[in-house]
Amino acid sequence: MEKNEMYTASGTNIEAVKQANENSGMSYNEAKEYIARTTGGHGTQIYSDTNAEQIRKKNQQG
C-alpha cells in the first residue's frame, strides 16, 4: 500500500474508485441531456440550444 492511497473503513481504495468512475462513460444526467438533445421529446426544452426568437423570425419571413 502506497502512502498516498486512501481507503474507506471497509477497505475500498478511494482513488481506484475515482479512476473507475472517470472511465465508466456518461453520468445519468449526461445521458439524459444527450438523449434530450438528440431525440427531442416532451419536457426537454431546458437542454435545447435553439434560439426560439430566431426561429419565430424565420417562420414569419417564409
PDB file of N, CA and C in Angstrom:
ATOM      1  N   MET A   1       0.843  -1.169   0.000  1.00  0.00           N
ATOM      2  CA  MET A   1       0.000   0.000   0.000  1.00  0.00           C
ATOM      3  C   MET A   1       0.894   1.240   0.000  1.00  0.00           C
ATOM      4  N   GLU A   2       0.645   2.175  -0.928  1.00  0.00           N
ATOM      5  CA  GLU A   2       1.431   3.404  -1.004  1.00  0.00           C
ATOM      6  C   GLU A   2       0.935   4.413   0.014  1.00  0.00           C
ATOM      7  N   LYS A   3       1.773   5.392   0.361  1.00  0.00           N
ATOM      8  CA  LYS A   3       1.405   6.418   1.325  1.00  0.00           C
ATOM      9  C   LYS A   3       0.248   7.287   0.844  1.00  0.00           C
ATOM     10  N   ASN A   4       0.181   7.577  -0.451  1.00  0.00           N
ATOM     11  CA  ASN A   4      -0.822   8.480  -0.996  1.00  0.00           C
ATOM     12  C   ASN A   4      -2.200   7.842  -1.145  1.00  0.00           C
ATOM     13  N   GLU A   5      -2.300   6.545  -1.042  1.00  0.00           N
ATOM     14  CA  GLU A   5      -3.579   5.875  -1.235  1.00  0.00           C
ATOM     15  C   GLU A   5      -4.444   6.026   0.007  1.00  0.00           C
ATOM     16  N   MET A   6      -5.727   6.329  -0.237  1.00  0.00           N
ATOM     17  CA  MET A   6      -6.669   6.467   0.871  1.00  0.00           C
ATOM     18  C   MET A   6      -7.727   5.386   0.736  1.00  0.00           C
ATOM     19  N   TYR A   7      -8.124   4.818   1.864  1.00  0.00           N
ATOM     20  CA  TYR A   7      -9.097   3.739   1.885  1.00  0.00           C
ATOM     21  C   TYR A   7     -10.248   4.100   2.812  1.00  0.00           C
ATOM     22  N   THR A   8     -11.435   3.578   2.490  1.00  0.00           N
ATOM     23  CA  THR A   8     -12.590   3.751   3.369  1.00  0.00           C
ATOM     24  C   THR A   8     -12.453   2.781   4.537  1.00  0.00           C
ATOM     25  N   ALA A   9     -13.363   2.886   5.491  1.00  0.00           N
ATOM     26  CA  ALA A   9     -13.348   1.990   6.649  1.00  0.00           C
ATOM     27  C   ALA A   9     -13.503   0.533   6.227  1.00  0.00           C
ATOM     28  N   SER A  10     -14.204   0.306   5.097  1.00  0.00           N
ATOM     29  CA  SER A  10     -14.408  -1.068   4.639  1.00  0.00           C
ATOM     30  C   SER A  10     -13.264  -1.575   3.763  1.00  0.00           C
ATOM     31  N   GLY A  11     -12.268  -0.722   3.518  1.00  0.00           N
ATOM     32  CA  GLY A  11     -11.101  -1.153   2.754  1.00  0.00           C
ATOM     33  C   GLY A  11     -11.135  -0.817   1.278  1.00  0.00           C
ATOM     34  N   THR A  12     -12.080   0.019   0.851  1.00  0.00           N
ATOM     35  CA  THR A  12     -12.172   0.400  -0.560  1.00  0.00           C
ATOM     36  C   THR A  12     -11.130   1.458  -0.888  1.00  0.00           C
ATOM     37  N   ASN A  13     -10.385   1.261  -1.964  1.00  0.00           N
ATOM     38  CA  ASN A  13      -9.383   2.215  -2.413  1.00  0.00           C
ATOM     39  C   ASN A  13     -10.100   3.375  -3.104  1.00  0.00           C
ATOM     40  N   ILE A  14     -10.114   4.534  -2.494  1.00  0.00           N
ATOM     41  CA  ILE A  14     -10.853   5.690  -2.991  1.00  0.00           C
ATOM     42  C   ILE A  14     -10.347   6.133  -4.352  1.00  0.00           C
ATOM     43  N   GLU A  15      -9.064   6.196  -4.552  1.00  0.00           N
ATOM     44  CA  GLU A  15      -8.505   6.631  -5.831  1.00  0.00           C
ATOM     45  C   GLU A  15      -8.850   5.652  -6.949  1.00  0.00           C
ATOM     46  N   ALA A  16      -8.869   4.377  -6.655  1.00  0.00           N
ATOM     47  CA  ALA A  16      -9.222   3.380  -7.659  1.00  0.00           C
ATOM     48  C   ALA A  16     -10.677   3.547  -8.090  1.00  0.00           C
ATOM     49  N   VAL A  17     -11.557   3.861  -7.139  1.00  0.00           N
ATOM     50  CA  VAL A  17     -12.965   4.080  -7.462  1.00  0.00           C
ATOM     51  C   VAL A  17     -13.117   5.338  -8.312  1.00  0.00           C
ATOM     52  N   LYS A  18     -12.410   6.400  -7.953  1.00  0.00           N
ATOM     53  CA  LYS A  18     -12.470   7.640  -8.743  1.00  0.00           C
ATOM     54  C   LYS A  18     -12.002   7.388 -10.172  1.00  0.00           C
ATOM     55  N   GLN A  19     -10.943   6.629 -10.339  1.00  0.00           N
ATOM     56  CA  GLN A  19     -10.410   6.323 -11.665  1.00  0.00           C
ATOM     57  C   GLN A  19     -11.406   5.492 -12.459  1.00  0.00           C
ATOM     58  N   ALA A  20     -12.022   4.522 -11.809  1.00  0.00           N
ATOM     59  CA  ALA A  20     -13.015   3.690 -12.496  1.00  0.00           C
ATOM     60  C   ALA A  20     -14.209   4.526 -12.933  1.00  0.00           C
ATOM     61  N   ASN A  21     -14.625   5.470 -12.100  1.00  0.00           N
ATOM     62  CA  ASN A  21     -15.743   6.348 -12.455  1.00  0.00           C
ATOM     63  C   ASN A  21     -15.407   7.212 -13.670  1.00  0.00           C
ATOM     64  N   GLU A  22     -14.195   7.717 -13.745  1.00  0.00           N
ATOM     65  CA  GLU A  22     -13.776   8.543 -14.889  1.00  0.00           C
ATOM     66  C   GLU A  22     -13.832   7.759 -16.187  1.00  0.00           C
ATOM     67  N   ASN A  23     -13.578   6.478 -16.116  1.00  0.00           N
ATOM     68  CA  ASN A  23     -13.528   5.645 -17.314  1.00  0.00           C
ATOM     69  C   ASN A  23     -14.850   4.940 -17.624  1.00  0.00           C
ATOM     70  N   SER A  24     -15.898   5.242 -16.870  1.00  0.00           N
ATOM     71  CA  SER A  24     -17.129   4.455 -16.991  1.00  0.00           C
ATOM     72  C   SER A  24     -18.139   5.013 -17.985  1.00  0.00           C
ATOM     73  N   GLY A  25     -17.866   6.158 -18.604  1.00  0.00           N
ATOM     74  CA  GLY A  25     -18.815   6.709 -19.566  1.00  0.00           C
ATOM     75  C   GLY A  25     -19.629   7.841 -18.973  1.00  0.00           C
ATOM     76  N   MET A  26     -20.794   8.073 -19.570  1.00  0.00           N
ATOM     77  CA  MET A  26     -21.625   9.202 -19.172  1.00  0.00           C
ATOM     78  C   MET A  26     -22.297   8.971 -17.823  1.00  0.00           C
ATOM     79  N   SER A  27     -22.496  10.081 -17.107  1.00  0.00           N
ATOM     80  CA  SER A  27     -23.282  10.018 -15.885  1.00  0.00           C
ATOM     81  C   SER A  27     -24.757   9.961 -16.261  1.00  0.00           C
ATOM     82  N   TYR A  28     -25.612   9.721 -15.292  1.00  0.00           N
ATOM     83  CA  TYR A  28     -27.052   9.668 -15.532  1.00  0.00           C
ATOM     84  C   TYR A  28     -27.534  10.985 -16.134  1.00  0.00           C
ATOM     85  N   ASN A  29     -27.121  12.116 -15.565  1.00  0.00           N
ATOM     86  CA  ASN A  29     -27.563  13.419 -16.073  1.00  0.00           C
ATOM     87  C   ASN A  29     -26.986  13.718 -17.451  1.00  0.00           C
ATOM     88  N   GLU A  30     -25.748  13.312 -17.699  1.00  0.00           N
ATOM     89  CA  GLU A  30     -25.168  13.495 -19.029  1.00  0.00           C
ATOM     90  C   GLU A  30     -25.934  12.665 -20.063  1.00  0.00           C
ATOM     91  N   ALA A  31     -26.331  11.466 -19.687  1.00  0.00           N
ATOM     92  CA  ALA A  31     -27.099  10.617 -20.602  1.00  0.00           C
ATOM     93  C   ALA A  31     -28.464  11.229 -20.877  1.00  0.00           C
ATOM     94  N   LYS A  32     -29.125  11.758 -19.844  1.00  0.00           N
ATOM     95  CA  LYS A  32     -30.427  12.413 -20.045  1.00  0.00           C
ATOM     96  C   LYS A  32     -30.298  13.598 -20.995  1.00  0.00           C
ATOM     97  N   GLU A  33     -29.262  14.401 -20.802  1.00  0.00           N
ATOM     98  CA  GLU A  33     -29.054  15.563 -21.663  1.00  0.00           C
ATOM     99  C   GLU A  33     -28.788  15.127 -23.100  1.00  0.00           C
ATOM    100  N   TYR A  34     -27.956  14.126 -23.283  1.00  0.00           N
ATOM    101  CA  TYR A  34     -27.644  13.628 -24.624  1.00  0.00           C
ATOM    102  C   TYR A  34     -28.906  13.134 -25.324  1.00  0.00           C
ATOM    103  N   ILE A  35     -29.719  12.358 -24.625  1.00  0.00           N
ATOM    104  CA  ILE A  35     -30.955  11.842 -25.216  1.00  0.00           C
ATOM    105  C   ILE A  35     -31.889  12.988 -25.582  1.00  0.00           C
ATOM    106  N   ALA A  36     -31.996  13.974 -24.702  1.00  0.00           N
ATOM    107  CA  ALA A  36     -32.868  15.118 -24.979  1.00  0.00           C
ATOM    108  C   ALA A  36     -32.387  15.894 -26.199  1.00  0.00           C
ATOM    109  N   ARG A  37     -31.082  16.079 -26.314  1.00  0.00           N
ATOM    110  CA  ARG A  37     -30.543  16.839 -27.443  1.00  0.00           C
ATOM    111  C   ARG A  37     -30.664  16.091 -28.762  1.00  0.00           C
ATOM    112  N   THR A  38     -30.567  14.787 -28.724  1.00  0.00           N
ATOM    113  CA  THR A  38     -30.518  14.028 -29.972  1.00  0.00           C
ATOM    114  C   THR A  38     -31.857  13.458 -30.404  1.00  0.00           C
ATOM    115  N   THR A  39     -32.817  13.321 -29.492  1.00  0.00           N
ATOM    116  CA  THR A  39     -34.095  12.730 -29.863  1.00  0.00           C
ATOM    117  C   THR A  39     -35.273  13.678 -29.680  1.00  0.00           C
ATOM    118  N   GLY A  40     -35.054  14.783 -28.973  1.00  0.00           N
ATOM    119  CA  GLY A  40     -36.170  15.684 -28.684  1.00  0.00           C
ATOM    120  C   GLY A  40     -37.121  15.021 -27.718  1.00  0.00           C
ATOM    121  N   GLY A  41     -38.309  15.577 -27.606  1.00  0.00           N
ATOM    122  CA  GLY A  41     -39.290  14.944 -26.744  1.00  0.00           C
ATOM    123  C   GLY A  41     -39.913  15.924 -25.776  1.00  0.00           C
ATOM    124  N   HIS A  42     -40.884  15.449 -25.035  1.00  0.00           N
ATOM    125  CA  HIS A  42     -41.651  16.254 -24.096  1.00  0.00           C
ATOM    126  C   HIS A  42     -40.785  16.681 -22.909  1.00  0.00           C
ATOM    127  N   GLY A  43     -40.815  17.975 -22.588  1.00  0.00           N
ATOM    128  CA  GLY A  43     -40.114  18.473 -21.401  1.00  0.00           C
ATOM    129  C   GLY A  43     -38.604  18.575 -21.543  1.00  0.00           C
ATOM    130  N   THR A  44     -38.093  18.681 -22.757  1.00  0.00           N
ATOM    131  CA  THR A  44     -36.640  18.723 -22.943  1.00  0.00           C
ATOM    132  C   THR A  44     -36.135  20.115 -23.320  1.00  0.00           C
ATOM    133  N   GLN A  45     -36.996  21.145 -23.197  1.00  0.00           N
ATOM    134  CA  GLN A  45     -36.600  22.491 -23.604  1.00  0.00           C
ATOM    135  C   GLN A  45     -35.343  22.981 -22.882  1.00  0.00           C
ATOM    136  N   ILE A  46     -35.162  22.576 -21.635  1.00  0.00           N
ATOM    137  CA  ILE A  46     -34.006  23.080 -20.884  1.00  0.00           C
ATOM    138  C   ILE A  46     -32.688  22.630 -21.509  1.00  0.00           C
ATOM    139  N   TYR A  47     -32.706  21.585 -22.305  1.00  0.00           N
ATOM    140  CA  TYR A  47     -31.491  21.095 -22.948  1.00  0.00           C
ATOM    141  C   TYR A  47     -31.307  21.644 -24.358  1.00  0.00           C
ATOM    142  N   SER A  48     -32.270  22.404 -24.836  1.00  0.00           N
ATOM    143  CA  SER A  48     -32.232  22.886 -26.207  1.00  0.00           C
ATOM    144  C   SER A  48     -31.294  24.082 -26.343  1.00  0.00           C
ATOM    145  N   ASP A  49     -30.556  24.122 -27.434  1.00  0.00           N
ATOM    146  CA  ASP A  49     -29.720  25.284 -27.722  1.00  0.00           C
ATOM    147  C   ASP A  49     -30.311  26.084 -28.881  1.00  0.00           C
ATOM    148  N   THR A  50     -31.573  25.835 -29.203  1.00  0.00           N
ATOM    149  CA  THR A  50     -32.267  26.545 -30.274  1.00  0.00           C
ATOM    150  C   THR A  50     -32.688  27.922 -29.792  1.00  0.00           C
ATOM    151  N   ASN A  51     -32.450  28.930 -30.611  1.00  0.00           N
ATOM    152  CA  ASN A  51     -32.873  30.290 -30.307  1.00  0.00           C
ATOM    153  C   ASN A  51     -34.314  30.445 -30.801  1.00  0.00           C
ATOM    154  N   ALA A  52     -35.268  30.419 -29.876  1.00  0.00           N
ATOM    155  CA  ALA A  52     -36.683  30.440 -30.237  1.00  0.00           C
ATOM    156  C   ALA A  52     -37.052  31.713 -30.989  1.00  0.00           C
ATOM    157  N   GLU A  53     -36.499  32.828 -30.592  1.00  0.00           N
ATOM    158  CA  GLU A  53     -36.812  34.103 -31.256  1.00  0.00           C
ATOM    159  C   GLU A  53     -36.333  34.081 -32.706  1.00  0.00           C
ATOM    160  N   GLN A  54     -35.190  33.528 -32.957  1.00  0.00           N
ATOM    161  CA  GLN A  54     -34.649  33.417 -34.312  1.00  0.00           C
ATOM    162  C   GLN A  54     -35.558  32.546 -35.186  1.00  0.00           C
ATOM    163  N   ILE A  55     -36.071  31.467 -34.626  1.00  0.00           N
ATOM    164  CA  ILE A  55     -36.978  30.587 -35.367  1.00  0.00           C
ATOM    165  C   ILE A  55     -38.282  31.315 -35.688  1.00  0.00           C
ATOM    166  N   ARG A  56     -38.811  32.073 -34.709  1.00  0.00           N
ATOM    167  CA  ARG A  56     -40.048  32.837 -34.956  1.00  0.00           C
ATOM    168  C   ARG A  56     -39.863  33.806 -36.113  1.00  0.00           C
ATOM    169  N   LYS A  57     -38.752  34.534 -36.110  1.00  0.00           N
ATOM    170  CA  LYS A  57     -38.481  35.486 -37.191  1.00  0.00           C
ATOM    171  C   LYS A  57     -38.374  34.787 -38.539  1.00  0.00           C
ATOM    172  N   LYS A  58     -37.692  33.662 -38.567  1.00  0.00           N
ATOM    173  CA  LYS A  58     -37.527  32.890 -39.794  1.00  0.00           C
ATOM    174  C   LYS A  58     -38.873  32.411 -40.317  1.00  0.00           C
ATOM    175  N   ASN A  59     -39.731  31.945 -39.396  1.00  0.00           N
ATOM    176  CA  ASN A  59     -41.056  31.467 -39.790  1.00  0.00           C
ATOM    177  C   ASN A  59     -41.936  32.598 -40.315  1.00  0.00           C
ATOM    178  N   GLN A  60     -41.795  33.794 -39.782  1.00  0.00           N
ATOM    179  CA  GLN A  60     -42.577  34.942 -40.246  1.00  0.00           C
ATOM    180  C   GLN A  60     -42.144  35.366 -41.640  1.00  0.00           C
ATOM    181  N   GLN A  61     -40.858  35.221 -41.945  1.00  0.00           N
ATOM    182  CA  GLN A  61     -40.334  35.608 -43.254  1.00  0.00           C
ATOM    183  C   GLN A  61     -40.775  34.630 -44.333  1.00  0.00           C
ATOM    184  N   GLY A  62     -40.834  33.393 -44.020  1.00  0.00           N
ATOM    185  CA  GLY A  62     -41.030  32.393 -45.055  1.00  0.00           C
ATOM    186  C   GLY A  62     -42.382  31.871 -45.152  1.00  0.00           C
TER     187      GLY A  62
END
